[in-house]
């Protein structure tokens, strides 16, 4: 920790091993939890994402579709793999995530079916599915026009037949019926007051399954890392209560478990699978 960090109020120690990282993060987010809680809504999310973002791939004109889909293979940071905190790349996390997403989409859809991503960002997950399961149709819904513009540019460049639309997934949607609706770290941006509405929309659109790879606070491990993660989620006003929302909506939750990986070690993803019965 250096003086610049202290001036910014950043207590996290990132260069002295996993124990120092976890304990300093606990202190960092614990102190921040004493401050007035941040409040999130769709306007806050829009303001955060609808501006020029420092995406690793944007400056690289010769970027391959492989790099676009799988992510940065160079820069190391703290990540979570197999439930273990360590140094690694975002690509290593996506190498765990994307095959599992494909497995679930393949399980609950058939050739010719429509698959819809809620909070599709710049289209990278849909690009992967389009390459791996080209016999399905794909639609991405994303709140921020800038992200949709970026997605259109990259998808056209690689000739991938994925449709992207600007849409608020918590509001009424004019979207065709799909076999599967899924999200990857998108619902987490929504506070409990509106995340239930997004889940209800997924249930209206999908006919067979809802698949969510989201950090579910209630499933975080009961250890120091899990406690620090809960404080971080609370302070940011991130998603909570997703499995409970599903049950309150009368949905059949068949899987709700920690996935064991995350791009941020205090943001471990869970796999939530909801089967829909016409």
Protein backbone atom coordinates (compact mmCIF):
# COMPACT_ATOMS: atom_id res chain seq x y z
CA UNK A 1 0.00 0.00 0.00
CA UNK A 2 1.35 3.44 -0.91
CA UNK A 3 0.48 7.05 -0.07
CA UNK A 4 -1.56 7.54 -3.28
CA UNK A 5 -3.75 4.58 -2.32
CA UNK A 6 -4.29 5.95 1.16
CA UNK A 7 -5.24 9.37 -0.21
CA UNK A 8 -7.84 7.66 -2.44
CA UNK A 9 -9.08 5.61 0.49
CA UNK A 10 -7.96 2.33 -1.07
CA UNK A 11 -6.80 -0.05 1.66
CA UNK A 12 -6.40 -3.13 -0.54
CA UNK A 13 -2.98 -4.79 -0.69
CA UNK A 14 -2.55 -6.60 -3.99
CA UNK A 15 1.14 -7.53 -4.05
CA UNK A 16 1.69 -9.57 -0.87
CA UNK A 17 -0.21 -12.75 -1.48
CA UNK A 18 -3.81 -13.92 -1.19
CA UNK A 19 -4.11 -13.60 2.61
CA UNK A 20 -3.04 -9.94 2.55
CA UNK A 21 -5.41 -9.28 -0.33
CA UNK A 22 -8.40 -10.81 1.49
CA UNK A 23 -7.75 -9.19 4.88
CA UNK A 24 -7.06 -5.76 3.38
CA UNK A 25 -10.19 -6.07 1.24
CA UNK A 26 -12.16 -6.92 4.36
CA UNK A 27 -10.91 -3.71 6.00
CA UNK A 28 -11.45 -1.69 2.82
CA UNK A 29 -15.06 -2.73 2.21
CA UNK A 30 -15.86 -2.91 5.91
CA UNK A 31 -15.03 0.76 6.38
CA UNK A 32 -16.91 1.68 3.19
CA UNK A 33 -19.97 -0.17 4.44
CA UNK A 34 -20.19 2.40 7.26
CA UNK A 35 -20.68 5.18 4.70
CA UNK A 36 -24.11 5.98 3.24
CA UNK A 37 -25.13 3.10 0.99
CA UNK A 38 -24.85 3.70 -2.72
CA UNK A 39 -28.19 3.49 -4.52
CA UNK A 40 -28.45 1.94 -7.98
CA UNK A 41 -31.11 2.07 -10.67
CA UNK A 42 -31.17 1.76 -14.45
CA UNK A 43 -30.06 5.40 -14.82
CA UNK A 44 -26.95 4.75 -12.71
CA UNK A 45 -26.13 1.66 -14.77
CA UNK A 46 -26.66 3.60 -18.00
CA UNK A 47 -24.31 6.37 -16.86
CA UNK A 48 -21.64 3.85 -15.86
CA UNK A 49 -21.64 1.94 -19.13
CA UNK A 50 -22.78 4.34 -21.83
CA UNK A 51 -19.43 6.02 -22.28
CA UNK A 52 -16.11 5.16 -23.86
CA UNK A 53 -14.82 2.19 -21.89
CA UNK A 54 -11.23 0.98 -21.78
CA UNK A 55 -11.85 -2.37 -23.42
CA UNK A 56 -8.66 -4.38 -23.96
CA UNK A 57 -9.59 -5.14 -27.56
CA UNK A 58 -10.51 -1.70 -28.90
CA UNK A 59 -7.03 -0.41 -29.83
CA UNK A 60 -6.12 -3.62 -31.65
CA UNK A 61 -7.16 -3.37 -35.28
CA UNK A 62 -5.84 -6.86 -36.03
CA UNK A 63 -7.75 -8.48 -33.17
CA UNK A 64 -8.88 -12.02 -33.94
CA UNK A 65 -12.33 -13.36 -33.20
CA UNK A 66 -10.64 -15.67 -30.69
CA UNK A 67 -9.30 -12.72 -28.70
CA UNK A 68 -12.62 -10.88 -28.93
CA UNK A 69 -14.52 -13.86 -27.52
CA UNK A 70 -12.09 -15.18 -24.93
CA UNK A 71 -10.54 -12.02 -23.54
CA UNK A 72 -7.21 -10.66 -22.45
CA UNK A 73 -4.57 -13.38 -22.15
CA UNK A 74 -1.72 -11.08 -21.08
CA UNK A 75 -2.50 -9.02 -18.00
CA UNK A 76 -2.54 -10.89 -14.71
CA UNK A 77 -4.74 -9.89 -11.77
CA UNK A 78 -6.43 -11.52 -8.80
CA UNK A 79 -9.05 -13.97 -10.06
CA UNK A 80 -10.91 -17.00 -8.74
CA UNK A 81 -10.50 -20.45 -10.31
CA UNK A 82 -11.81 -23.69 -8.82
CA UNK A 83 -12.86 -21.71 -5.72
CA UNK A 84 -9.23 -20.68 -5.16
CA UNK A 85 -7.89 -17.12 -5.11
CA UNK A 86 -4.82 -16.60 -7.29
CA UNK A 87 -3.16 -14.57 -10.01
CA UNK A 88 -4.38 -15.17 -13.54
CA UNK A 89 -6.02 -13.68 -16.62
CA UNK A 90 -9.61 -12.92 -17.56
CA UNK A 91 -9.24 -15.43 -20.37
CA UNK A 92 -8.72 -18.23 -17.85
CA UNK A 93 -12.06 -17.37 -16.24
CA UNK A 94 -13.90 -17.28 -19.56
CA UNK A 95 -12.40 -20.66 -20.42
CA UNK A 96 -14.39 -21.98 -17.44
CA UNK A 97 -17.52 -19.92 -18.04
CA UNK A 98 -18.24 -20.19 -21.76
CA UNK A 99 -18.17 -23.99 -22.15
CA UNK A 100 -20.56 -24.29 -19.21
CA UNK A 101 -22.85 -21.70 -20.75
CA UNK A 102 -22.78 -23.61 -24.05
CA UNK A 103 -23.59 -26.87 -22.25
CA UNK A 104 -26.68 -25.34 -20.65
CA UNK A 105 -27.88 -23.63 -23.84
CA UNK A 106 -27.45 -26.87 -25.79
CA UNK A 107 -29.30 -28.78 -23.06
CA UNK A 108 -32.37 -26.54 -23.17
CA UNK A 109 -32.60 -25.57 -26.85
CA UNK A 110 -32.73 -27.25 -30.24
CA UNK A 111 -31.60 -26.29 -33.76
CA UNK A 112 -33.64 -23.35 -35.02
CA UNK A 113 -34.51 -22.08 -31.53
CA UNK A 114 -33.99 -18.51 -30.43
CA UNK A 115 -31.64 -17.81 -27.50
CA UNK A 116 -31.78 -14.38 -25.82
CA UNK A 117 -29.11 -12.79 -23.61
CA UNK A 118 -30.25 -10.21 -21.07
CA UNK A 119 -27.55 -7.56 -20.61
CA UNK A 120 -25.49 -8.73 -23.58
CA UNK A 121 -22.86 -5.98 -23.33
CA UNK A 122 -20.60 -5.99 -26.37
CA UNK A 123 -21.89 -9.35 -27.62
CA UNK A 124 -18.93 -11.56 -26.75
CA UNK A 125 -20.92 -14.37 -25.12
CA UNK A 126 -23.34 -14.47 -28.05
CA UNK A 127 -20.42 -14.48 -30.48
CA UNK A 128 -19.08 -17.59 -28.77
CA UNK A 129 -22.43 -19.35 -28.89
CA UNK A 130 -22.91 -18.39 -32.54
CA UNK A 131 -19.58 -20.02 -33.37
CA UNK A 132 -20.17 -23.14 -31.27
CA UNK A 133 -23.89 -23.65 -31.93
CA UNK A 134 -24.48 -21.98 -35.32
CA UNK A 135 -27.81 -23.74 -35.84
CA UNK A 136 -29.54 -21.55 -33.22
CA UNK A 137 -30.66 -17.91 -33.55
CA UNK A 138 -29.32 -15.29 -31.16
CA UNK A 139 -30.56 -11.97 -29.81
CA UNK A 140 -28.82 -9.71 -27.32
CA UNK A 141 -30.62 -7.09 -25.23
CA UNK A 142 -28.43 -4.32 -23.80
CA UNK A 143 -29.29 -1.11 -21.96
CA UNK A 144 -26.48 1.07 -23.26
CA UNK A 145 -26.39 2.23 -26.91
CA UNK A 146 -22.61 2.54 -26.92
CA UNK A 147 -22.20 -1.13 -26.01
CA UNK A 148 -24.66 -2.13 -28.72
CA UNK A 149 -22.75 -0.03 -31.26
CA UNK A 150 -19.50 -1.74 -30.25
CA UNK A 151 -21.18 -5.15 -30.52
CA UNK A 152 -22.56 -4.39 -33.98
CA UNK A 153 -19.11 -3.33 -35.18
CA UNK A 154 -17.38 -6.49 -33.92
CA UNK A 155 -20.11 -8.92 -34.97
CA UNK A 156 -20.20 -7.47 -38.50
CA UNK A 157 -16.44 -7.62 -38.70
CA UNK A 158 -16.45 -11.35 -37.96
CA UNK A 159 -19.60 -12.10 -39.96
CA UNK A 160 -21.53 -13.48 -37.00
CA UNK A 161 -25.36 -13.54 -37.38
CA UNK A 162 -26.24 -12.15 -33.95
CA UNK A 163 -28.92 -9.50 -33.50
CA UNK A 164 -28.41 -6.79 -30.88
CA UNK A 165 -31.05 -4.39 -29.56
CA UNK A 166 -31.01 -1.49 -27.12
CA UNK A 167 -33.50 -2.46 -24.40
CA UNK A 168 -34.22 -1.95 -20.72
CA UNK A 169 -34.68 -5.54 -19.52
CA UNK A 170 -36.62 -4.35 -16.46
CA UNK A 171 -39.34 -2.74 -18.61
CA UNK A 172 -41.92 -4.15 -21.01
CA UNK A 173 -40.19 -5.94 -23.89
CA UNK A 174 -41.30 -6.61 -27.44
CA UNK A 175 -39.21 -9.73 -28.02
CA UNK A 176 -40.07 -12.99 -29.83
CA UNK A 177 -40.56 -16.15 -27.80
CA UNK A 178 -37.27 -17.94 -27.13
CA UNK A 179 -36.25 -21.35 -25.86
CA UNK A 180 -33.68 -19.94 -23.45
CA UNK A 181 -33.09 -16.59 -21.79
CA UNK A 182 -29.79 -16.16 -19.97
CA UNK A 183 -27.62 -13.56 -18.26
CA UNK A 184 -23.93 -13.35 -17.41
CA UNK A 185 -22.98 -10.75 -14.79
CA UNK A 186 -25.77 -8.46 -15.94
CA UNK A 187 -28.49 -8.83 -13.33
CA UNK A 188 -25.87 -8.17 -10.66
CA UNK A 189 -25.89 -4.53 -11.73
CA UNK A 190 -29.54 -4.25 -10.73
CA UNK A 191 -30.69 -3.69 -7.15
CA UNK A 192 -33.37 -5.92 -5.71
CA UNK A 193 -36.07 -3.37 -6.48
CA UNK A 194 -35.76 -4.00 -10.24
CA UNK A 195 -33.90 -7.31 -10.64
CA UNK A 196 -37.14 -9.18 -9.96
CA UNK A 197 -38.73 -7.37 -12.94
CA UNK A 198 -35.86 -8.51 -15.19
CA UNK A 199 -36.27 -12.10 -14.02
CA UNK A 200 -40.03 -11.91 -14.65
CA UNK A 201 -39.32 -10.73 -18.20
CA UNK A 202 -36.97 -13.65 -18.74
CA UNK A 203 -39.75 -15.99 -17.65
CA UNK A 204 -42.19 -14.36 -20.08
CA UNK A 205 -39.83 -14.69 -23.03
CA UNK A 206 -38.29 -18.13 -22.45
CA UNK A 207 -40.21 -21.37 -22.92
CA UNK A 208 -37.73 -23.93 -21.57
CA UNK A 209 -35.12 -22.43 -19.27
CA UNK A 210 -33.58 -19.38 -17.65
CA UNK A 211 -29.83 -19.60 -17.06
CA UNK A 212 -27.98 -17.07 -14.91
CA UNK A 213 -24.29 -16.86 -14.18
CA UNK A 214 -24.41 -14.14 -11.55
CA UNK A 215 -22.79 -13.42 -8.18
CA UNK A 216 -25.43 -14.52 -5.67
CA UNK A 217 -24.63 -12.97 -2.32
CA UNK A 218 -26.55 -15.56 -0.33
CA UNK A 219 -24.34 -18.35 -1.72
CA UNK A 220 -20.97 -16.73 -1.02
CA UNK A 221 -18.72 -18.94 1.15
CA UNK A 222 -18.77 -18.52 4.91
CA UNK A 223 -15.14 -17.47 5.24
CA UNK A 224 -13.17 -14.21 5.23
CA UNK A 225 -13.27 -13.93 1.45
CA UNK A 226 -17.01 -14.50 1.46
CA UNK A 227 -17.54 -11.93 4.20
CA UNK A 228 -15.47 -9.33 2.31
CA UNK A 229 -17.45 -10.15 -0.84
CA UNK A 230 -20.75 -9.58 0.99
CA UNK A 231 -19.55 -6.19 2.22
CA UNK A 232 -18.49 -5.24 -1.31
CA UNK A 233 -21.88 -6.25 -2.74
CA UNK A 234 -23.77 -4.41 -0.01
CA UNK A 235 -21.82 -1.18 -0.45
CA UNK A 236 -22.29 -1.19 -4.25
CA UNK A 237 -26.02 -1.99 -3.94
CA UNK A 238 -25.57 -5.00 -6.20
CA UNK A 239 -27.99 -7.86 -6.71
CA UNK A 240 -29.37 -9.81 -3.78
CA UNK A 241 -32.13 -12.36 -3.37
CA UNK A 242 -32.16 -13.76 -6.92
CA UNK A 243 -33.14 -17.36 -6.01
CA UNK A 244 -35.82 -15.99 -3.68
CA UNK A 245 -37.17 -13.76 -6.45
CA UNK A 246 -37.46 -16.84 -8.66
CA UNK A 247 -39.38 -18.79 -6.05
CA UNK A 248 -41.69 -15.84 -5.34
CA UNK A 249 -42.48 -15.77 -9.06
CA UNK A 250 -43.43 -19.43 -8.87
CA UNK A 251 -40.42 -20.57 -10.92
CA UNK A 252 -38.77 -23.98 -10.63
CA UNK A 253 -35.15 -23.50 -9.52
CA UNK A 254 -33.30 -26.73 -10.31
CA UNK A 255 -29.73 -25.50 -9.78
CA UNK A 256 -28.38 -22.79 -7.49
CA UNK A 257 -24.70 -23.31 -6.70
CA UNK A 258 -21.37 -21.56 -6.66
CA UNK A 259 -19.55 -21.87 -9.98
CA UNK A 260 -16.09 -21.59 -8.48
CA UNK A 261 -14.71 -18.90 -10.80
CA UNK A 262 -14.82 -15.13 -11.17
CA UNK A 263 -13.01 -12.28 -12.90
CA UNK A 264 -13.02 -10.53 -9.51
CA UNK A 265 -12.23 -12.82 -6.56
CA UNK A 266 -14.80 -11.06 -4.37
CA UNK A 267 -17.48 -11.55 -7.01
CA UNK A 268 -17.70 -15.33 -7.32
CA UNK A 269 -20.28 -16.40 -9.87
CA UNK A 270 -23.09 -18.80 -9.13
CA UNK A 271 -24.97 -20.91 -11.64
CA UNK A 272 -28.73 -20.54 -11.40
CA UNK A 273 -30.87 -22.73 -13.65
CA UNK A 274 -34.64 -22.39 -13.80
CA UNK A 275 -36.69 -24.87 -15.78
CA UNK A 276 -39.91 -23.58 -17.32
CA UNK A 277 -42.97 -25.73 -17.76
CA UNK A 278 -45.61 -24.61 -20.30
